[in-house]
Amino acid sequence: MEISIMPTSKKISLIEVYFIMLLSLGITNHVILIPLILQYAGRDAWMGTLLTMILHIGWVYILFFIMKRTQQQSIFGWFKDCFGSVIGWIFVIITTLYFFWMSMVILRETATWIRVTYLPQTPKTVVSLVIILLCVYVANNGIRSIAIISGILLPI
């Protein structure tokens, strides 16, 4: 099963989509959710992780089904076609702001963790800049390179 995320990009497999989503979910969980779960659930927090993994597998197949039904049309194009240009642009703006905010939160927390754990004498801006440059480089090489990096980083 091959999935093309963008019309001009190389195709990636369903397992690569799963790796990308699981890695992004894992990063988000480590930064935002796990501290909250541990604070309130204590020793039973592991059950939340198992439930999330089960739900995540279902979510990947739902996305795969939707992509098959829409012939892998861009979600932004689909919104514009189905709901009009104004609603489509509102969706684009809200989605862009959401992902930008999430990336800033994750960048801040990751840079802080790296600095505290491994590089205590390195300025936070240097750590952040290196992370940003690596992300830009990988993203510029396309979805296939993101999938490969996710497959490498996920087990680590």
C-alpha atoms as a PDB file:
ATOM      1  CA  MET A   1       0.000   0.000   0.000  1.00  0.00           C
ATOM      2  CA  GLU A   2       1.539   3.272  -1.114  1.00  0.00           C
ATOM      3  CA  ILE A   3       0.251   6.703  -0.151  1.00  0.00           C
ATOM      4  CA  SER A   4       1.191   9.924  -1.855  1.00  0.00           C
ATOM      5  CA  ILE A   5       0.924  12.816   0.591  1.00  0.00           C
ATOM      6  CA  MET A   6       1.519  15.491  -2.052  1.00  0.00           C
ATOM      7  CA  PRO A   7       1.058  15.170  -5.807  1.00  0.00           C
ATOM      8  CA  THR A   8       4.722  15.965  -6.551  1.00  0.00           C
ATOM      9  CA  SER A   9       6.234  13.947  -3.710  1.00  0.00           C
ATOM     10  CA  LYS A  10       7.411  10.362  -3.736  1.00  0.00           C
ATOM     11  CA  LYS A  11       5.008   7.818  -2.330  1.00  0.00           C
ATOM     12  CA  ILE A  12       5.361   6.449   1.175  1.00  0.00           C
ATOM     13  CA  SER A  13       3.982   3.255   2.612  1.00  0.00           C
ATOM     14  CA  LEU A  14       1.296   2.904   5.255  1.00  0.00           C
ATOM     15  CA  ILE A  15       3.897   1.817   7.808  1.00  0.00           C
ATOM     16  CA  GLU A  16       5.884   5.005   7.119  1.00  0.00           C
ATOM     17  CA  VAL A  17       2.737   7.072   7.693  1.00  0.00           C
ATOM     18  CA  TYR A  18       2.321   5.174  10.951  1.00  0.00           C
ATOM     19  CA  PHE A  19       5.945   5.917  11.954  1.00  0.00           C
ATOM     20  CA  ILE A  20       5.507   9.638  11.254  1.00  0.00           C
ATOM     21  CA  MET A  21       2.264   9.847  13.203  1.00  0.00           C
ATOM     22  CA  LEU A  22       3.524   7.746  16.111  1.00  0.00           C
ATOM     23  CA  LEU A  23       6.690   9.846  16.380  1.00  0.00           C
ATOM     24  CA  SER A  24       4.723  13.099  16.373  1.00  0.00           C
ATOM     25  CA  LEU A  25       2.312  11.656  18.922  1.00  0.00           C
ATOM     26  CA  GLY A  26       5.221  10.497  21.071  1.00  0.00           C
ATOM     27  CA  ILE A  27       6.916  13.879  20.987  1.00  0.00           C
ATOM     28  CA  THR A  28       3.669  15.620  21.855  1.00  0.00           C
ATOM     29  CA  ASN A  29       3.010  13.160  24.677  1.00  0.00           C
ATOM     30  CA  HIS A  30       6.480  13.557  26.169  1.00  0.00           C
ATOM     31  CA  VAL A  31       6.288  17.324  26.093  1.00  0.00           C
ATOM     32  CA  ILE A  32       2.690  18.067  27.003  1.00  0.00           C
ATOM     33  CA  LEU A  33       0.632  15.078  28.104  1.00  0.00           C
ATOM     34  CA  ILE A  34       2.837  12.736  30.120  1.00  0.00           C
ATOM     35  CA  PRO A  35       3.576  15.220  32.910  1.00  0.00           C
ATOM     36  CA  LEU A  36      -0.164  15.864  33.288  1.00  0.00           C
ATOM     37  CA  ILE A  37      -1.060  12.164  33.167  1.00  0.00           C
ATOM     38  CA  LEU A  38       1.591  11.290  35.741  1.00  0.00           C
ATOM     39  CA  GLN A  39       0.456  14.101  37.998  1.00  0.00           C
ATOM     40  CA  TYR A  40      -3.173  12.970  38.054  1.00  0.00           C
ATOM     41  CA  ALA A  41      -3.049   9.216  37.330  1.00  0.00           C
ATOM     42  CA  GLY A  42       0.130   8.294  39.158  1.00  0.00           C
ATOM     43  CA  ARG A  43       0.993   4.610  38.853  1.00  0.00           C
ATOM     44  CA  ASP A  44      -1.972   3.907  36.555  1.00  0.00           C
ATOM     45  CA  ALA A  45      -0.654   6.256  33.843  1.00  0.00           C
ATOM     46  CA  TRP A  46       0.632   3.328  31.741  1.00  0.00           C
ATOM     47  CA  MET A  47      -2.974   2.387  30.950  1.00  0.00           C
ATOM     48  CA  GLY A  48      -3.430   5.715  29.178  1.00  0.00           C
ATOM     49  CA  THR A  49      -0.434   4.949  26.967  1.00  0.00           C
ATOM     50  CA  LEU A  50      -1.820   1.544  25.979  1.00  0.00           C
ATOM     51  CA  LEU A  51      -5.227   3.022  25.201  1.00  0.00           C
ATOM     52  CA  THR A  52      -3.607   5.760  23.124  1.00  0.00           C
ATOM     53  CA  MET A  53      -1.650   3.208  21.084  1.00  0.00           C
ATOM     54  CA  ILE A  54      -4.813   1.240  20.333  1.00  0.00           C
ATOM     55  CA  LEU A  55      -6.703   4.374  19.336  1.00  0.00           C
ATOM     56  CA  HIS A  56      -3.750   5.546  17.242  1.00  0.00           C
ATOM     57  CA  ILE A  57      -3.739   2.358  15.160  1.00  0.00           C
ATOM     58  CA  GLY A  58      -7.429   2.913  14.445  1.00  0.00           C
ATOM     59  CA  TRP A  59      -6.790   6.561  13.544  1.00  0.00           C
ATOM     60  CA  VAL A  60      -4.132   5.587  10.964  1.00  0.00           C
ATOM     61  CA  TYR A  61      -6.604   3.277   9.222  1.00  0.00           C
ATOM     62  CA  ILE A  62      -9.308   5.947   9.276  1.00  0.00           C
ATOM     63  CA  LEU A  63      -6.901   8.383   7.620  1.00  0.00           C
ATOM     64  CA  PHE A  64      -5.920   5.754   5.074  1.00  0.00           C
ATOM     65  CA  PHE A  65      -9.618   5.140   4.269  1.00  0.00           C
ATOM     66  CA  ILE A  66     -10.277   8.867   3.859  1.00  0.00           C
ATOM     67  CA  MET A  67      -7.250   9.281   1.614  1.00  0.00           C
ATOM     68  CA  LYS A  68      -8.450   6.398  -0.575  1.00  0.00           C
ATOM     69  CA  ARG A  69     -11.991   7.844  -0.837  1.00  0.00           C
ATOM     70  CA  THR A  70     -10.802  11.342  -1.741  1.00  0.00           C
ATOM     71  CA  GLN A  71      -8.164  10.067  -4.188  1.00  0.00           C
ATOM     72  CA  GLN A  72      -5.551  11.691  -1.935  1.00  0.00           C
ATOM     73  CA  GLN A  73      -6.799  15.194  -2.651  1.00  0.00           C
ATOM     74  CA  SER A  74      -5.274  17.871  -0.464  1.00  0.00           C
ATOM     75  CA  ILE A  75      -7.407  18.525   2.624  1.00  0.00           C
ATOM     76  CA  PHE A  76      -7.151  22.244   1.981  1.00  0.00           C
ATOM     77  CA  GLY A  77      -8.354  21.816  -1.606  1.00  0.00           C
ATOM     78  CA  TRP A  78     -11.128  19.524  -0.419  1.00  0.00           C
ATOM     79  CA  PHE A  79     -12.298  22.106   2.139  1.00  0.00           C
ATOM     80  CA  LYS A  80     -12.298  24.835  -0.515  1.00  0.00           C
ATOM     81  CA  ASP A  81     -14.221  22.631  -2.961  1.00  0.00           C
ATOM     82  CA  CYS A  82     -16.811  21.447  -0.440  1.00  0.00           C
ATOM     83  CA  PHE A  83     -17.324  24.534   1.731  1.00  0.00           C
ATOM     84  CA  GLY A  84     -16.222  27.450  -0.419  1.00  0.00           C
ATOM     85  CA  SER A  85     -13.138  29.591  -0.625  1.00  0.00           C
ATOM     86  CA  VAL A  86     -13.766  31.638   2.541  1.00  0.00           C
ATOM     87  CA  ILE A  87     -14.300  28.610   4.786  1.00  0.00           C
ATOM     88  CA  GLY A  88     -11.357  26.903   3.091  1.00  0.00           C
ATOM     89  CA  TRP A  89      -9.032  29.816   3.879  1.00  0.00           C
ATOM     90  CA  ILE A  90     -10.312  30.005   7.459  1.00  0.00           C
ATOM     91  CA  PHE A  91      -9.484  26.304   7.823  1.00  0.00           C
ATOM     92  CA  VAL A  92      -6.004  26.882   6.335  1.00  0.00           C
ATOM     93  CA  ILE A  93      -5.308  29.790   8.692  1.00  0.00           C
ATOM     94  CA  ILE A  94      -6.557  27.970  11.807  1.00  0.00           C
ATOM     95  CA  THR A  95      -4.618  24.818  10.910  1.00  0.00           C
ATOM     96  CA  THR A  96      -1.452  26.788  10.189  1.00  0.00           C
ATOM     97  CA  LEU A  97      -1.677  28.688  13.471  1.00  0.00           C
ATOM     98  CA  TYR A  98      -2.331  25.479  15.413  1.00  0.00           C
ATOM     99  CA  PHE A  99       0.660  23.657  13.933  1.00  0.00           C
ATOM    100  CA  PHE A 100       2.889  26.713  14.345  1.00  0.00           C
ATOM    101  CA  TRP A 101       1.904  27.012  18.018  1.00  0.00           C
ATOM    102  CA  MET A 102       2.476  23.285  18.610  1.00  0.00           C
ATOM    103  CA  SER A 103       5.869  23.435  16.911  1.00  0.00           C
ATOM    104  CA  MET A 104       6.916  26.385  19.079  1.00  0.00           C
ATOM    105  CA  VAL A 105       5.855  24.597  22.277  1.00  0.00           C
ATOM    106  CA  ILE A 106       7.652  21.411  21.264  1.00  0.00           C
ATOM    107  CA  LEU A 107      10.740  23.343  20.152  1.00  0.00           C
ATOM    108  CA  ARG A 108      10.933  25.215  23.446  1.00  0.00           C
ATOM    109  CA  GLU A 109      10.486  22.083  25.552  1.00  0.00           C
ATOM    110  CA  THR A 110      12.881  20.000  23.466  1.00  0.00           C
ATOM    111  CA  ALA A 111      15.568  22.681  23.486  1.00  0.00           C
ATOM    112  CA  THR A 112      15.199  23.050  27.253  1.00  0.00           C
ATOM    113  CA  TRP A 113      15.435  19.290  27.768  1.00  0.00           C
ATOM    114  CA  ILE A 114      18.519  18.981  25.531  1.00  0.00           C
ATOM    115  CA  ARG A 115      20.176  21.910  27.261  1.00  0.00           C
ATOM    116  CA  VAL A 116      19.457  20.643  30.768  1.00  0.00           C
ATOM    117  CA  THR A 117      20.316  17.007  30.013  1.00  0.00           C
ATOM    118  CA  TYR A 118      23.254  17.171  27.600  1.00  0.00           C
ATOM    119  CA  LEU A 119      24.434  20.710  26.904  1.00  0.00           C
ATOM    120  CA  PRO A 120      24.102  22.787  30.084  1.00  0.00           C
ATOM    121  CA  GLN A 121      26.588  25.450  28.963  1.00  0.00           C
ATOM    122  CA  THR A 122      25.154  25.885  25.461  1.00  0.00           C
ATOM    123  CA  PRO A 123      22.755  28.807  24.993  1.00  0.00           C
ATOM    124  CA  LYS A 124      19.145  27.810  24.406  1.00  0.00           C
ATOM    125  CA  THR A 125      19.057  29.853  21.182  1.00  0.00           C
ATOM    126  CA  VAL A 126      21.916  27.810  19.708  1.00  0.00           C
ATOM    127  CA  VAL A 127      20.182  24.534  20.531  1.00  0.00           C
ATOM    128  CA  SER A 128      16.903  25.863  19.099  1.00  0.00           C
ATOM    129  CA  LEU A 129      18.591  27.102  15.935  1.00  0.00           C
ATOM    130  CA  VAL A 130      20.249  23.724  15.315  1.00  0.00           C
ATOM    131  CA  ILE A 131      16.914  21.943  15.762  1.00  0.00           C
ATOM    132  CA  ILE A 132      15.174  24.380  13.408  1.00  0.00           C
ATOM    133  CA  LEU A 133      17.869  24.016  10.739  1.00  0.00           C
ATOM    134  CA  LEU A 134      17.714  20.218  10.932  1.00  0.00           C
ATOM    135  CA  CYS A 135      13.930  20.289  10.617  1.00  0.00           C
ATOM    136  CA  VAL A 136      14.057  22.679   7.642  1.00  0.00           C
ATOM    137  CA  TYR A 137      16.680  20.516   5.921  1.00  0.00           C
ATOM    138  CA  VAL A 138      14.705  17.284   6.371  1.00  0.00           C
ATOM    139  CA  ALA A 139      11.392  18.917   5.406  1.00  0.00           C
ATOM    140  CA  ASN A 140      13.000  20.430   2.315  1.00  0.00           C
ATOM    141  CA  ASN A 141      14.038  16.941   1.192  1.00  0.00           C
ATOM    142  CA  GLY A 142      10.399  15.814   1.148  1.00  0.00           C
ATOM    143  CA  ILE A 143       7.989  13.497   2.888  1.00  0.00           C
ATOM    144  CA  ARG A 144      10.091  10.430   2.085  1.00  0.00           C
ATOM    145  CA  SER A 145      13.038  11.739   4.124  1.00  0.00           C
ATOM    146  CA  ILE A 146      10.679  12.612   6.994  1.00  0.00           C
ATOM    147  CA  ALA A 147       9.351   9.048   6.892  1.00  0.00           C
ATOM    148  CA  ILE A 148      12.882   7.589   6.928  1.00  0.00           C
ATOM    149  CA  ILE A 149      13.985   9.821   9.833  1.00  0.00           C
ATOM    150  CA  SER A 150      10.806   8.881  11.727  1.00  0.00           C
ATOM    151  CA  GLY A 151      11.537   5.204  11.208  1.00  0.00           C
ATOM    152  CA  ILE A 152      15.034   5.725  12.631  1.00  0.00           C
ATOM    153  CA  LEU A 153      14.076   7.976  15.549  1.00  0.00           C
ATOM    154  CA  LEU A 154      10.965   6.085  16.652  1.00  0.00           C
ATOM    155  CA  PRO A 155      12.781   3.055  18.110  1.00  0.00           C
ATOM    156  CA  ILE A 156      15.428   5.286  19.691  1.00  0.00           C
END
